[in-house]
Amino acid sequence: MLTLAVIVLLWPQLTQGSDSLPVKVANAAVIGKLGSSVVLPCWLDPSLDISNMEIRWYRPHKFGKPVLFYRDHKVTTDLQEESYINRSALALREPQSAGLKVGDLSLRLDNLNTDDGGIFHCFVSGVSGYGSAATTLNILVQGSSPVLSVQFKDDFLNVSCSSCGWQPQPRIEWKSNRNTPFRPGGLVYSQAENKLTCVQSWALLSPSFHEVSCSLFITKGDERESTVDIQTISRLMVPAEDGSGFWKALFAVALLAALAMIGVGVFLYGKYKTGYMQAKADEEDQRKDEEDQLTVCSKPSITDLRKHAVNITLNSSNVYPDVFINSNRNVVRDRASAAENNKGPGFPYYLSVCGINSFTSGCAYWEVKLTAPSTKPKKSWLIGVTKASHYLNNDKNDLTPSKGFWFLCSDEETGIHINTEPEISLPVNPSLEVVGVFLDYEKGELSFYNAKKDVHLFTMKTKFQGEIVPFFNPGIGDKAPLTINLIESITESRGESAENASA
């Protein structure tokens, strides 16, 4: 034991001489993404059978606590650094390699984390000598989708773009709706408590702008992008008679969004697969005399969307007893027991119900009615899609795009909002009567519409993987149930009841 301790202490000095085994590593740093696996190539040139030798991968100044230790024809964990147990293994630097027989002692690391970034030493020794080399691993962490907020002031508008959770520092690119890049007015990088990078940028623009996008990336082709349509946001606000209410309300919404950005850095680490908000309005009345201005992208009409109609059926299994679903499985509401069992603050997420329909490709459209005869529109509801087959939890932190949930939600505390990271409230009239949902799986878009008024509300953009199912929640306390409309029987004059439930 004493001899081993002396060898470990003196090893840096012993290895300063010329190595007798020609160990090679990659010339450039190896790049690995957070949570993924990576191979650190290391080999002998010329090749040599090293299956009878001792192999050790270790971090600087930790020769005695190796990342991987191979001896007597096997990998052993006796001395291994605890954080690398079950995460490290010998690997092949290329598919046709014969491994140790030809001197290939490459290392595979799984489930990469930010602490894995830095230098790794590759060491081999035997009766014929020893050799070592050092290689560098850089961990790439892709941050959250940028959140855009807008402030109107005098004759200009200030659009800000914020995102956190990046490593290394990302690049930023602003574009107009003609896909034309332009320089931002400011750019600030900062470091969050988890040592990842946050970025804030802003641009002062003319109100004639329509669609503006902000994208962040470390490598081209793997961007995080968000888009905002200034004209749409303006029209979604209802101005007061003197017009002042409009500007005050819009400023308040922008201020809340800006404050939300301050808290982005302290959001749960690891949330990097995100949601996306793109607010656009119906542009049927595009003016022909605006050819010198930016082109407006219009959304399809409700009539066009109904060509992709799918009649959704609710999944009545795996739901709480506080949930009532009618026999046709197109109406869901809270039972009287729900209010008794959920007296605390916050939205009752545990009342959520999925559809039995699932989507892995193509487009689908459905409509959800939030009213009933002689009742006011619902104030508490949730409509969207999810990767989960059912959901019985009540933890809001689990309902994020990075965990497979995308939805529009309404409650008395926060109004109508989308579950982006962080959450963003929308300046929309809370008395929606019919919500249209359009899913474009290939484009990774989930769009919401005021179906009664044929108005596009906003679009979330992501990358769907696997099966996606409809997701609903009736909330608590409203007289009206949440009803899935049968598309072929939808008319504005028909007040279909579809078994208005009274549980």
Protein backbone atom coordinates (compact mmCIF):
# COMPACT_ATOMS: atom_id res chain seq x y z
CA MET A 1 0.00 0.00 0.00
CA LEU A 2 2.85 2.38 0.88
CA THR A 3 4.58 1.56 -2.40
CA LEU A 4 1.39 2.34 -4.37
CA ALA A 5 0.98 5.66 -2.55
CA VAL A 6 4.57 6.64 -3.36
CA ILE A 7 4.07 5.74 -7.03
CA VAL A 8 0.88 7.81 -7.21
CA LEU A 9 2.55 10.83 -5.60
CA LEU A 10 5.65 10.63 -7.78
CA TRP A 11 3.88 9.70 -11.01
CA PRO A 12 3.84 13.23 -12.54
CA GLN A 13 7.60 13.42 -12.08
CA LEU A 14 8.14 9.87 -13.36
CA THR A 15 6.16 10.56 -16.54
CA GLN A 16 7.97 13.75 -17.47
CA GLY A 17 10.57 11.74 -19.34
CA SER A 18 10.16 10.55 -22.91
CA ASP A 19 7.45 7.92 -23.34
CA SER A 20 8.51 4.63 -24.89
CA LEU A 21 5.04 3.79 -26.28
CA PRO A 22 3.80 6.15 -29.06
CA VAL A 23 0.33 7.18 -27.79
CA LYS A 24 -1.78 9.35 -30.11
CA VAL A 25 -4.97 11.38 -29.54
CA ALA A 26 -7.14 13.66 -31.67
CA ASN A 27 -5.48 16.92 -32.71
CA ALA A 28 -8.56 19.02 -31.92
CA ALA A 29 -10.79 19.07 -28.86
CA VAL A 30 -13.61 16.52 -28.84
CA ILE A 31 -17.13 17.99 -28.67
CA GLY A 32 -19.89 16.30 -26.67
CA LYS A 33 -23.47 17.39 -26.02
CA LEU A 34 -24.92 17.54 -22.54
CA GLY A 35 -26.63 14.25 -21.63
CA SER A 36 -25.23 12.36 -24.64
CA SER A 37 -22.32 9.94 -25.13
CA VAL A 38 -18.93 10.63 -26.67
CA VAL A 39 -15.77 8.70 -27.57
CA LEU A 40 -12.33 10.14 -26.76
CA PRO A 41 -9.99 8.54 -29.34
CA CYS A 42 -6.63 7.25 -28.12
CA TRP A 43 -4.38 4.72 -29.86
CA LEU A 44 -0.82 3.52 -30.42
CA ASP A 45 0.95 4.29 -33.68
CA PRO A 46 2.44 2.00 -34.81
CA SER A 47 -0.14 -0.43 -33.48
CA LEU A 48 0.63 -2.90 -30.73
CA ASP A 49 -1.37 -5.51 -28.84
CA ILE A 50 -2.02 -3.95 -25.42
CA SER A 51 -4.58 -6.43 -24.09
CA ASN A 52 -2.03 -7.65 -21.51
CA MET A 53 -1.10 -4.12 -20.39
CA GLU A 54 -2.48 -1.70 -17.82
CA ILE A 55 -4.70 1.11 -19.14
CA ARG A 56 -5.70 4.14 -17.18
CA TRP A 57 -7.80 7.20 -18.10
CA TYR A 58 -7.65 9.97 -15.54
CA ARG A 59 -8.27 13.69 -15.00
CA PRO A 60 -5.46 16.14 -14.14
CA HIS A 61 -3.91 15.46 -10.70
CA LYS A 62 -6.14 12.39 -10.20
CA PHE A 63 -3.92 9.52 -11.35
CA GLY A 64 -4.91 7.55 -8.26
CA LYS A 65 -8.65 8.06 -8.93
CA PRO A 66 -8.98 7.09 -12.59
CA VAL A 67 -11.96 7.62 -14.86
CA LEU A 68 -11.33 4.08 -16.11
CA PHE A 69 -8.84 1.42 -14.96
CA TYR A 70 -8.05 -1.74 -16.97
CA ARG A 71 -5.74 -4.46 -15.65
CA ASP A 72 -5.51 -8.25 -15.86
CA HIS A 73 -7.74 -8.32 -18.96
CA LYS A 74 -10.67 -6.53 -17.30
CA VAL A 75 -11.97 -3.12 -16.26
CA THR A 76 -12.10 -2.73 -12.50
CA THR A 77 -13.86 -0.18 -10.31
CA ASP A 78 -11.57 -0.65 -7.29
CA LEU A 79 -9.83 2.72 -7.72
CA GLN A 80 -12.32 4.41 -10.05
CA GLU A 81 -13.59 7.94 -9.48
CA GLU A 82 -17.13 7.47 -8.15
CA SER A 83 -18.75 9.93 -10.56
CA TYR A 84 -17.60 7.81 -13.54
CA ILE A 85 -18.82 4.43 -12.32
CA ASN A 86 -21.25 2.99 -14.93
CA ARG A 87 -20.50 5.96 -17.20
CA SER A 88 -17.12 5.01 -18.69
CA ALA A 89 -16.01 2.12 -20.89
CA LEU A 90 -13.34 1.18 -23.41
CA ALA A 91 -14.51 1.86 -26.95
CA LEU A 92 -13.44 1.72 -30.60
CA ARG A 93 -12.20 4.92 -32.19
CA GLU A 94 -13.63 3.74 -35.52
CA PRO A 95 -15.99 0.87 -36.46
CA GLN A 96 -13.31 -1.25 -38.16
CA SER A 97 -10.92 -1.06 -35.22
CA ALA A 98 -9.88 -4.34 -33.56
CA GLY A 99 -9.65 -2.64 -30.17
CA LEU A 100 -6.90 -3.50 -27.71
CA LYS A 101 -5.36 -6.00 -30.14
CA VAL A 102 -4.22 -3.09 -32.33
CA GLY A 103 -3.51 -0.60 -29.56
CA ASP A 104 -6.91 1.15 -29.52
CA LEU A 105 -7.61 2.28 -25.94
CA SER A 106 -10.31 4.87 -26.69
CA LEU A 107 -12.70 5.90 -23.92
CA ARG A 108 -16.49 6.21 -24.13
CA LEU A 109 -18.28 8.50 -21.67
CA ASP A 110 -22.06 8.34 -21.24
CA ASN A 111 -24.60 10.80 -19.84
CA LEU A 112 -22.26 13.77 -20.16
CA ASN A 113 -22.54 16.61 -17.65
CA THR A 114 -20.87 20.01 -17.45
CA ASP A 115 -18.23 18.74 -15.01
CA ASP A 116 -16.92 16.40 -17.71
CA GLY A 117 -15.50 19.29 -19.69
CA GLY A 118 -11.70 19.65 -19.67
CA ILE A 119 -8.57 17.53 -20.00
CA PHE A 120 -8.40 13.71 -19.93
CA HIS A 121 -5.13 11.75 -19.78
CA CYS A 122 -4.80 8.48 -21.69
CA PHE A 123 -2.09 6.19 -20.21
CA VAL A 124 -0.87 2.68 -21.01
CA SER A 125 1.99 0.70 -19.45
CA GLY A 126 3.47 -2.79 -19.70
CA VAL A 127 6.72 -4.70 -19.72
CA SER A 128 7.68 -3.04 -23.01
CA GLY A 129 7.29 0.47 -21.59
CA TYR A 130 4.65 3.11 -21.08
CA GLY A 131 3.06 6.00 -22.93
CA SER A 132 0.59 8.79 -22.31
CA ALA A 133 -1.20 11.66 -24.05
CA ALA A 134 -3.79 14.28 -23.11
CA THR A 135 -6.98 15.19 -24.95
CA THR A 136 -9.64 17.84 -24.31
CA LEU A 137 -13.40 17.38 -24.09
CA ASN A 138 -15.66 20.39 -24.57
CA ILE A 139 -19.28 20.04 -23.39
CA LEU A 140 -21.86 21.75 -25.58
CA VAL A 141 -25.05 22.82 -23.79
CA GLN A 142 -27.92 24.21 -25.86
CA GLY A 143 -29.95 26.73 -23.91
CA SER A 144 -33.64 27.51 -23.78
CA SER A 145 -35.63 28.88 -26.69
CA PRO A 146 -35.33 32.67 -26.70
CA VAL A 147 -38.24 34.65 -25.30
CA LEU A 148 -39.20 37.86 -27.09
CA SER A 149 -40.87 40.82 -25.40
CA VAL A 150 -42.04 44.09 -26.91
CA GLN A 151 -42.26 47.61 -25.53
CA PHE A 152 -43.86 50.46 -27.47
CA LYS A 153 -42.49 53.92 -26.83
CA ASP A 154 -43.23 57.05 -28.84
CA ASP A 155 -42.67 56.26 -32.51
CA PHE A 156 -40.53 53.16 -31.99
CA LEU A 157 -40.71 49.73 -30.42
CA ASN A 158 -38.07 47.92 -28.42
CA VAL A 159 -37.93 44.15 -29.00
CA SER A 160 -35.81 42.21 -26.51
CA CYS A 161 -34.58 38.62 -26.82
CA SER A 162 -33.45 36.59 -23.79
CA SER A 163 -32.25 33.04 -23.19
CA CYS A 164 -30.21 31.09 -20.63
CA GLY A 165 -28.44 27.76 -20.23
CA TRP A 166 -25.73 27.91 -22.93
CA GLN A 167 -22.20 26.54 -23.07
CA PRO A 168 -20.09 27.81 -24.73
CA GLN A 169 -21.30 31.35 -25.44
CA PRO A 170 -23.87 31.28 -28.29
CA ARG A 171 -24.04 33.48 -31.36
CA ILE A 172 -27.17 35.54 -31.99
CA GLU A 173 -28.89 36.51 -35.23
CA TRP A 174 -31.82 38.90 -35.76
CA LYS A 175 -33.91 38.77 -38.93
CA SER A 176 -36.88 40.60 -40.41
CA ASN A 177 -39.78 38.68 -41.95
CA ARG A 178 -38.03 38.85 -45.31
CA ASN A 179 -35.34 36.69 -43.71
CA THR A 180 -33.00 39.67 -43.81
CA PRO A 181 -30.41 39.83 -41.00
CA PHE A 182 -29.97 43.11 -39.14
CA ARG A 183 -27.76 44.30 -36.30
CA PRO A 184 -29.25 44.46 -32.79
CA GLY A 185 -29.04 47.61 -30.73
CA GLY A 186 -27.39 45.83 -27.79
CA LEU A 187 -26.00 42.48 -26.67
CA VAL A 188 -25.09 41.38 -23.12
CA TYR A 189 -23.72 38.03 -21.92
CA SER A 190 -23.78 36.98 -18.28
CA GLN A 191 -23.16 33.84 -16.23
CA ALA A 192 -25.91 32.18 -14.21
CA GLU A 193 -25.42 30.40 -10.88
CA ASN A 194 -25.02 27.07 -12.68
CA LYS A 195 -22.08 28.60 -14.63
CA LEU A 196 -24.00 28.48 -17.90
CA THR A 197 -24.30 31.54 -20.12
CA CYS A 198 -27.31 33.85 -20.35
CA VAL A 199 -27.77 36.26 -23.24
CA GLN A 200 -29.91 39.37 -23.62
CA SER A 201 -30.20 41.38 -26.81
CA TRP A 202 -32.51 44.11 -28.02
CA ALA A 203 -33.34 46.06 -31.15
CA LEU A 204 -35.08 49.42 -31.62
CA LEU A 205 -37.38 49.10 -34.62
CA SER A 206 -39.95 51.03 -36.61
CA PRO A 207 -43.63 50.11 -35.95
CA SER A 208 -43.89 49.24 -39.66
CA PHE A 209 -42.06 45.98 -38.89
CA HIS A 210 -44.27 42.91 -38.79
CA GLU A 211 -42.47 39.63 -38.16
CA VAL A 212 -39.14 39.75 -36.31
CA SER A 213 -37.11 36.68 -35.31
CA CYS A 214 -34.22 36.11 -32.93
CA SER A 215 -32.15 32.92 -33.16
CA LEU A 216 -29.34 31.63 -30.96
CA PHE A 217 -26.88 28.90 -31.90
CA ILE A 218 -23.49 27.41 -31.20
CA THR A 219 -23.35 25.52 -34.49
CA LYS A 220 -25.34 26.44 -37.60
CA GLY A 221 -28.26 24.14 -38.27
CA ASP A 222 -28.99 23.63 -34.59
CA GLU A 223 -30.61 26.95 -33.69
CA ARG A 224 -33.06 28.01 -31.01
CA GLU A 225 -35.40 30.56 -32.61
CA SER A 226 -38.43 32.61 -31.63
CA THR A 227 -40.54 34.96 -33.73
CA VAL A 228 -42.97 37.73 -32.86
CA ASP A 229 -45.45 39.55 -35.08
CA ILE A 230 -45.73 43.11 -33.79
CA GLN A 231 -48.87 43.92 -35.75
CA THR A 232 -50.68 40.85 -34.39
CA ILE A 233 -49.88 41.69 -30.78
CA SER A 234 -51.18 45.21 -31.37
CA ARG A 235 -54.49 43.98 -32.75
CA LEU A 236 -54.98 41.46 -29.94
CA MET A 237 -55.15 44.34 -27.51
CA VAL A 238 -58.50 46.19 -27.18
CA PRO A 239 -57.82 49.96 -26.96
CA ALA A 240 -59.74 52.28 -24.66
CA GLU A 241 -61.71 55.15 -26.20
CA ASP A 242 -58.83 57.59 -25.83
CA GLY A 243 -56.29 54.95 -26.88
CA SER A 244 -54.30 55.23 -23.65
CA GLY A 245 -55.54 51.92 -22.29
CA PHE A 246 -53.96 50.12 -25.23
CA TRP A 247 -50.49 51.52 -24.67
CA LYS A 248 -50.64 51.04 -20.90
CA ALA A 249 -51.83 47.46 -21.23
CA LEU A 250 -49.24 46.57 -23.85
CA PHE A 251 -46.50 48.14 -21.77
CA ALA A 252 -47.64 46.10 -18.76
CA VAL A 253 -47.53 42.86 -20.77
CA ALA A 254 -44.05 43.68 -22.06
CA LEU A 255 -42.87 44.60 -18.58
CA LEU A 256 -44.10 41.29 -17.15
CA ALA A 257 -42.31 39.44 -19.94
CA ALA A 258 -39.10 41.37 -19.24
CA LEU A 259 -39.33 40.59 -15.52
CA ALA A 260 -39.84 36.93 -16.35
CA MET A 261 -36.54 36.97 -18.21
CA ILE A 262 -34.67 37.91 -15.06
CA GLY A 263 -35.69 34.61 -13.54
CA VAL A 264 -34.71 32.46 -16.53
CA GLY A 265 -31.25 31.74 -15.11
CA VAL A 266 -32.63 30.09 -11.98
CA PHE A 267 -34.99 27.76 -13.78
CA LEU A 268 -34.39 24.00 -13.32
CA TYR A 269 -31.08 22.97 -14.87
CA GLY A 270 -31.46 20.52 -17.66
CA LYS A 271 -34.52 22.09 -19.32
CA TYR A 272 -33.20 22.63 -22.75
CA LYS A 273 -35.75 21.13 -25.03
CA THR A 274 -38.21 23.86 -25.25
CA GLY A 275 -41.24 25.40 -26.30
CA TYR A 276 -41.68 28.26 -28.93
CA MET A 277 -44.12 31.17 -29.31
CA GLN A 278 -44.87 32.82 -32.67
CA ALA A 279 -47.78 35.25 -32.49
CA LYS A 280 -49.41 35.88 -35.89
CA ALA A 281 -52.82 37.24 -36.88
CA ASP A 282 -55.10 36.73 -39.84
CA GLU A 283 -53.84 38.92 -42.70
CA GLU A 284 -56.82 38.73 -45.11
CA ASP A 285 -56.81 42.52 -45.62
CA GLN A 286 -53.18 42.92 -46.66
CA ARG A 287 -52.75 46.31 -48.24
CA LYS A 288 -51.42 46.33 -51.79
CA ASP A 289 -49.76 49.70 -51.22
CA GLU A 290 -47.37 48.18 -48.65
CA GLU A 291 -45.11 46.60 -51.26
CA ASP A 292 -42.24 48.75 -50.08
CA GLN A 293 -42.71 47.50 -46.53
CA LEU A 294 -42.13 44.05 -45.04
CA THR A 295 -44.25 41.19 -46.38
CA VAL A 296 -46.82 39.76 -43.97
CA CYS A 297 -47.17 35.99 -43.66
CA SER A 298 -50.81 35.00 -43.22
CA LYS A 299 -52.20 31.92 -41.48
CA PRO A 300 -54.80 29.67 -43.17
CA SER A 301 -58.47 30.33 -42.50
CA ILE A 302 -60.60 28.12 -40.27
CA THR A 303 -62.29 26.77 -43.42
CA ASP A 304 -58.92 25.61 -44.73
CA LEU A 305 -57.95 24.15 -41.37
CA ARG A 306 -61.16 22.11 -41.14
CA LYS A 307 -60.00 20.16 -44.19
CA HIS A 308 -57.61 18.49 -41.73
CA ALA A 309 -60.37 17.89 -39.16
CA VAL A 310 -60.09 14.97 -36.76
CA ASN A 311 -62.83 14.15 -34.26
CA ILE A 312 -61.11 13.59 -30.95
CA THR A 313 -62.30 10.96 -28.46
CA LEU A 314 -61.37 11.31 -24.80
CA ASN A 315 -59.52 8.54 -23.00
CA SER A 316 -61.66 7.71 -19.97
CA SER A 317 -59.10 5.38 -18.40
CA ASN A 318 -56.46 6.54 -15.92
CA VAL A 319 -58.34 9.66 -14.80
CA TYR A 320 -59.08 10.95 -11.32
CA PRO A 321 -62.51 10.32 -9.71
CA ASP A 322 -62.93 14.13 -9.65
CA VAL A 323 -63.21 14.07 -13.47
CA PHE A 324 -66.49 13.39 -15.32
CA ILE A 325 -66.45 12.21 -18.96
CA ASN A 326 -69.75 11.67 -20.80
CA SER A 327 -70.71 8.42 -22.55
CA ASN A 328 -69.79 9.79 -25.99
CA ARG A 329 -66.37 10.72 -24.59
CA ASN A 330 -66.41 14.21 -26.08
CA VAL A 331 -67.34 16.19 -22.94
CA VAL A 332 -65.25 16.54 -19.79
CA ARG A 333 -65.85 18.57 -16.66
CA ASP A 334 -65.02 18.68 -12.96
CA ARG A 335 -67.25 16.88 -10.47
CA ALA A 336 -68.47 18.58 -7.28
CA SER A 337 -65.81 16.66 -5.35
CA ALA A 338 -63.04 18.44 -7.28
CA ALA A 339 -63.62 21.76 -5.51
CA GLU A 340 -63.65 20.00 -2.14
CA ASN A 341 -60.40 18.16 -2.84
CA ASN A 342 -58.58 21.11 -4.40
CA LYS A 343 -59.04 24.12 -2.12
CA GLY A 344 -55.48 25.42 -2.45
CA PRO A 345 -54.21 27.98 -4.98
CA GLY A 346 -53.06 27.06 -8.45
CA PHE A 347 -54.48 25.28 -11.45
CA PRO A 348 -55.72 21.65 -10.93
CA TYR A 349 -53.37 19.99 -13.41
CA TYR A 350 -54.21 16.54 -12.01
CA LEU A 351 -57.65 16.76 -13.69
CA SER A 352 -56.03 16.48 -17.14
CA VAL A 353 -57.38 14.02 -19.71
CA CYS A 354 -55.79 12.76 -22.93
CA GLY A 355 -57.40 11.82 -26.23
CA ILE A 356 -57.20 8.28 -27.56
CA ASN A 357 -56.12 9.68 -30.94
CA SER A 358 -52.37 9.72 -31.53
CA PHE A 359 -50.27 11.43 -34.20
CA THR A 360 -46.82 10.61 -35.56
CA SER A 361 -47.01 12.51 -38.85
CA GLY A 362 -49.17 14.80 -40.97
CA CYS A 363 -51.61 17.52 -39.94
CA ALA A 364 -54.66 17.43 -37.67
CA TYR A 365 -57.22 20.01 -36.58
CA TRP A 366 -59.84 19.91 -33.81
CA GLU A 367 -62.03 22.39 -31.97
CA VAL A 368 -62.92 22.74 -28.32
CA LYS A 369 -66.02 24.59 -27.12
CA LEU A 370 -65.78 26.49 -23.83
CA THR A 371 -69.44 27.54 -23.54
CA ALA A 372 -72.86 25.99 -22.98
CA PRO A 373 -76.40 27.42 -23.44
CA SER A 374 -77.19 30.19 -20.93
CA THR A 375 -73.73 30.07 -19.35
CA LYS A 376 -70.67 32.29 -19.51
CA PRO A 377 -67.51 31.03 -21.24
CA LYS A 378 -65.20 28.96 -19.08
CA LYS A 379 -62.44 30.79 -17.21
CA SER A 380 -60.50 27.70 -16.15
CA TRP A 381 -59.28 25.29 -18.85
CA LEU A 382 -56.27 23.79 -20.61
CA ILE A 383 -55.96 22.66 -24.24
CA GLY A 384 -52.91 21.26 -26.01
CA VAL A 385 -50.93 18.12 -26.81
CA THR A 386 -48.52 15.86 -24.93
CA LYS A 387 -46.21 12.89 -25.35
CA ALA A 388 -47.65 11.32 -22.19
CA SER A 389 -50.44 8.76 -22.48
CA HIS A 390 -51.95 10.01 -19.22
CA TYR A 391 -51.10 12.51 -16.50
CA LEU A 392 -52.14 12.29 -12.86
CA ASN A 393 -49.64 14.63 -11.22
CA ASN A 394 -50.26 18.18 -10.01
CA ASP A 395 -46.72 19.56 -10.30
CA LYS A 396 -46.61 22.48 -12.72
CA ASN A 397 -42.84 22.03 -13.13
CA ASP A 398 -43.50 18.73 -14.92
CA LEU A 399 -45.69 20.38 -17.56
CA THR A 400 -43.09 21.98 -19.82
CA PRO A 401 -42.17 21.63 -23.50
CA SER A 402 -38.85 20.04 -22.52
CA LYS A 403 -40.86 17.28 -20.79
CA GLY A 404 -43.31 16.78 -23.64
CA PHE A 405 -46.21 19.17 -22.94
CA TRP A 406 -47.39 22.02 -25.18
CA PHE A 407 -50.60 23.85 -24.29
CA LEU A 408 -52.73 26.97 -23.94
CA CYS A 409 -54.14 27.47 -20.45
CA SER A 410 -56.52 29.85 -18.69
CA ASP A 411 -56.98 30.45 -14.97
CA GLU A 412 -58.02 33.39 -12.82
CA GLU A 413 -54.54 33.93 -11.38
CA THR A 414 -52.52 34.30 -14.60
CA GLY A 415 -55.15 34.69 -17.34
CA ILE A 416 -54.52 33.07 -20.71
CA HIS A 417 -50.94 31.87 -21.07
CA ILE A 418 -48.72 29.40 -22.88
CA ASN A 419 -46.42 26.97 -21.09
CA THR A 420 -43.16 28.20 -22.58
CA GLU A 421 -40.04 28.24 -20.42
CA PRO A 422 -40.55 30.72 -18.80
CA GLU A 423 -44.34 31.01 -19.02
CA ILE A 424 -45.69 33.89 -21.11
CA SER A 425 -49.12 35.53 -20.68
CA LEU A 426 -51.00 36.59 -23.80
CA PRO A 427 -52.93 39.83 -24.29
CA VAL A 428 -56.06 37.95 -25.41
CA ASN A 429 -59.69 38.51 -24.45
CA PRO A 430 -60.32 35.88 -21.72
CA SER A 431 -63.84 35.08 -22.99
CA LEU A 432 -62.88 32.65 -25.74
CA GLU A 433 -65.81 30.49 -26.82
CA VAL A 434 -64.28 28.04 -29.29
CA VAL A 435 -60.56 27.23 -29.53
CA GLY A 436 -59.20 25.66 -32.70
CA VAL A 437 -56.07 23.52 -32.47
CA PHE A 438 -53.91 22.79 -35.53
CA LEU A 439 -51.04 20.31 -35.29
CA ASP A 440 -48.44 20.15 -38.07
CA TYR A 441 -46.20 17.28 -36.97
CA GLU A 442 -43.51 17.58 -39.66
CA LYS A 443 -43.12 21.34 -39.23
CA GLY A 444 -43.13 20.96 -35.45
CA GLU A 445 -45.91 23.54 -35.06
CA LEU A 446 -48.88 23.68 -32.71
CA SER A 447 -51.20 26.60 -33.53
CA PHE A 448 -54.20 27.92 -31.60
CA TYR A 449 -57.12 29.89 -33.05
CA ASN A 450 -60.17 31.79 -31.91
CA ALA A 451 -62.31 29.54 -34.11
CA LYS A 452 -65.50 31.58 -33.72
CA LYS A 453 -63.85 34.77 -35.00
CA ASP A 454 -61.40 33.04 -37.37
CA VAL A 455 -58.39 34.68 -35.68
CA HIS A 456 -54.98 33.09 -35.20
CA LEU A 457 -53.78 33.43 -31.60
CA PHE A 458 -50.23 32.06 -31.65
CA THR A 459 -48.02 29.18 -32.73
CA MET A 460 -45.63 27.12 -30.63
CA LYS A 461 -42.71 25.64 -32.53
CA THR A 462 -40.73 22.58 -31.45
CA LYS A 463 -39.53 19.23 -32.79
CA PHE A 464 -42.02 16.44 -32.16
CA GLN A 465 -40.75 12.91 -31.62
CA GLY A 466 -42.81 9.77 -31.11
CA GLU A 467 -46.56 9.73 -30.56
CA ILE A 468 -48.36 12.99 -29.72
CA VAL A 469 -51.86 12.91 -28.19
CA PRO A 470 -54.42 15.67 -27.49
CA PHE A 471 -54.42 17.01 -23.93
CA PHE A 472 -57.33 18.65 -22.05
CA ASN A 473 -58.22 19.90 -18.58
CA PRO A 474 -61.69 21.27 -17.60
CA GLY A 475 -60.42 23.24 -14.61
CA ILE A 476 -62.61 23.79 -11.55
CA GLY A 477 -65.67 25.89 -10.79
CA ASP A 478 -67.14 26.77 -14.20
CA LYS A 479 -70.76 25.97 -15.08
CA ALA A 480 -69.86 25.16 -18.68
CA PRO A 481 -68.06 21.90 -19.49
CA LEU A 482 -65.22 21.49 -21.96
CA THR A 483 -66.68 20.02 -25.15
CA ILE A 484 -64.88 18.66 -28.19
CA ASN A 485 -66.87 19.77 -31.22
CA LEU A 486 -67.76 17.35 -33.97
CA ILE A 487 -66.36 19.18 -36.97
CA GLU A 488 -69.00 18.04 -39.47
CA SER A 489 -71.80 19.43 -37.26
CA ILE A 490 -70.20 22.77 -36.39
CA THR A 491 -72.24 25.85 -37.22
CA GLU A 492 -72.43 29.13 -35.41
CA SER A 493 -76.22 28.88 -35.18
CA ARG A 494 -76.24 25.40 -33.69
CA GLY A 495 -75.78 25.12 -29.97
CA GLU A 496 -75.03 21.44 -29.73
CA SER A 497 -75.19 20.28 -26.16
CA ALA A 498 -73.41 16.92 -26.51
CA GLU A 499 -74.70 15.83 -23.11
CA ASN A 500 -73.90 18.94 -21.12
CA ALA A 501 -72.68 17.26 -18.00
CA SER A 502 -73.84 17.90 -14.52
CA ALA A 503 -71.95 15.66 -12.21
